[in-house]
Amino acid sequence: MVESHPRDEMTDAQFRALLARLDWSGHLLAELMGRAPRLIRDWASGAKPVPADVAAWLWRLDEAWAAMPRSKRGATRDAALPLRQVEGFSR
């Protein structure tokens, strides 16, 4: 995992580090979430805060990634579901 954290908070530095750890681009995340790439760039630069629901989801994803065998970690990019299909995820 990137570091200890409150479940619903994420700094821009943590956001960038987590995307790098997952090997996800901002464009991929924007596509998965059904959001504009500009918004993802704003979160990454700190121009806008990462929303609590997005932060909580990314922290859970990071925990799952850390628990995954190293041989399977590269598959996270290909296996990601668009978030608009994930039950309970709000925009």
Protein backbone atom coordinates (compact mmCIF):
# COMPACT_ATOMS: atom_id res chain seq x y z
CA MET A 1 0.00 0.00 0.00
CA VAL A 2 1.11 3.55 -0.62
CA GLU A 3 0.78 4.69 3.02
CA SER A 4 -1.57 4.95 5.99
CA HIS A 5 -4.60 7.14 5.35
CA PRO A 6 -8.11 8.14 6.36
CA ARG A 7 -10.47 6.13 4.16
CA ASP A 8 -12.05 9.12 2.44
CA GLU A 9 -9.12 11.49 2.00
CA MET A 10 -6.37 11.54 -0.58
CA THR A 11 -3.81 14.19 -1.41
CA ASP A 12 -2.80 14.94 -4.98
CA ALA A 13 0.59 13.31 -4.30
CA GLN A 14 -1.09 10.16 -2.98
CA PHE A 15 -3.42 10.15 -6.00
CA ARG A 16 -0.48 10.35 -8.43
CA ALA A 17 1.48 7.68 -6.53
CA LEU A 18 -1.45 5.31 -6.48
CA LEU A 19 -2.11 5.68 -10.21
CA ALA A 20 1.58 5.03 -10.88
CA ARG A 21 1.53 1.96 -8.62
CA LEU A 22 -1.47 0.57 -10.52
CA ASP A 23 0.15 1.53 -13.86
CA TRP A 24 -2.97 3.53 -14.74
CA SER A 25 -2.93 6.72 -16.74
CA GLY A 26 -5.23 9.63 -16.01
CA HIS A 27 -6.94 8.92 -19.33
CA LEU A 28 -7.63 5.31 -18.33
CA LEU A 29 -9.08 6.40 -15.00
CA ALA A 30 -11.23 9.02 -16.72
CA GLU A 31 -12.54 6.37 -19.10
CA LEU A 32 -13.24 3.90 -16.30
CA MET A 33 -15.06 6.53 -14.26
CA GLY A 34 -16.90 8.15 -17.14
CA ARG A 35 -15.40 11.52 -16.22
CA ALA A 36 -13.48 14.14 -18.17
CA PRO A 37 -9.71 13.71 -18.39
CA ARG A 38 -9.38 17.36 -17.33
CA LEU A 39 -11.02 16.54 -13.99
CA ILE A 40 -8.53 13.73 -13.39
CA ARG A 41 -5.68 16.15 -14.18
CA ASP A 42 -7.17 18.63 -11.69
CA TRP A 43 -7.13 15.97 -8.97
CA ALA A 44 -3.56 14.99 -9.85
CA SER A 45 -2.35 18.59 -9.76
CA GLY A 46 -4.22 19.49 -6.58
CA ALA A 47 -6.34 22.09 -8.39
CA LYS A 48 -9.42 20.19 -7.14
CA PRO A 49 -9.64 17.77 -4.22
CA VAL A 50 -10.08 14.06 -4.87
CA PRO A 51 -13.72 13.34 -3.93
CA ALA A 52 -14.25 11.17 -0.85
CA ASP A 53 -15.96 8.34 -2.76
CA VAL A 54 -13.15 8.20 -5.32
CA ALA A 55 -10.48 8.29 -2.59
CA ALA A 56 -12.17 5.48 -0.66
CA TRP A 57 -12.47 3.35 -3.82
CA LEU A 58 -8.84 3.92 -4.78
CA TRP A 59 -7.60 3.05 -1.26
CA ARG A 60 -9.60 -0.20 -1.35
CA LEU A 61 -8.18 -0.94 -4.80
CA ASP A 62 -4.66 -0.29 -3.50
CA GLU A 63 -5.21 -2.73 -0.62
CA ALA A 64 -6.47 -5.39 -3.03
CA TRP A 65 -3.52 -4.77 -5.35
CA ALA A 66 -1.05 -5.12 -2.46
CA ALA A 67 -2.62 -8.46 -1.49
CA MET A 68 -2.45 -9.76 -5.07
CA PRO A 69 0.40 -12.10 -6.07
CA ARG A 70 3.06 -10.19 -8.00
CA SER A 71 2.53 -12.39 -11.05
CA LYS A 72 -1.09 -11.16 -11.33
CA ARG A 73 -0.55 -7.44 -10.72
CA GLY A 74 -0.09 -6.49 -14.38
CA ALA A 75 -3.59 -7.76 -15.08
CA THR A 76 -5.25 -4.97 -13.06
CA ARG A 77 -5.15 -2.60 -16.03
CA ASP A 78 -6.99 -5.07 -18.26
CA ALA A 79 -9.46 -6.29 -15.64
CA ALA A 80 -10.74 -2.89 -14.48
CA LEU A 81 -14.49 -2.36 -14.74
CA PRO A 82 -15.92 1.02 -15.65
CA LEU A 83 -16.91 2.49 -12.29
CA ARG A 84 -20.32 3.48 -13.54
CA GLN A 85 -21.00 -0.29 -13.54
CA VAL A 86 -19.91 -0.76 -9.91
CA GLU A 87 -22.85 -0.92 -7.52
CA GLY A 88 -22.88 1.92 -5.02
CA PHE A 89 -20.38 4.14 -6.82
CA SER A 90 -21.66 7.68 -7.16
CA ARG A 91 -20.56 10.38 -9.57
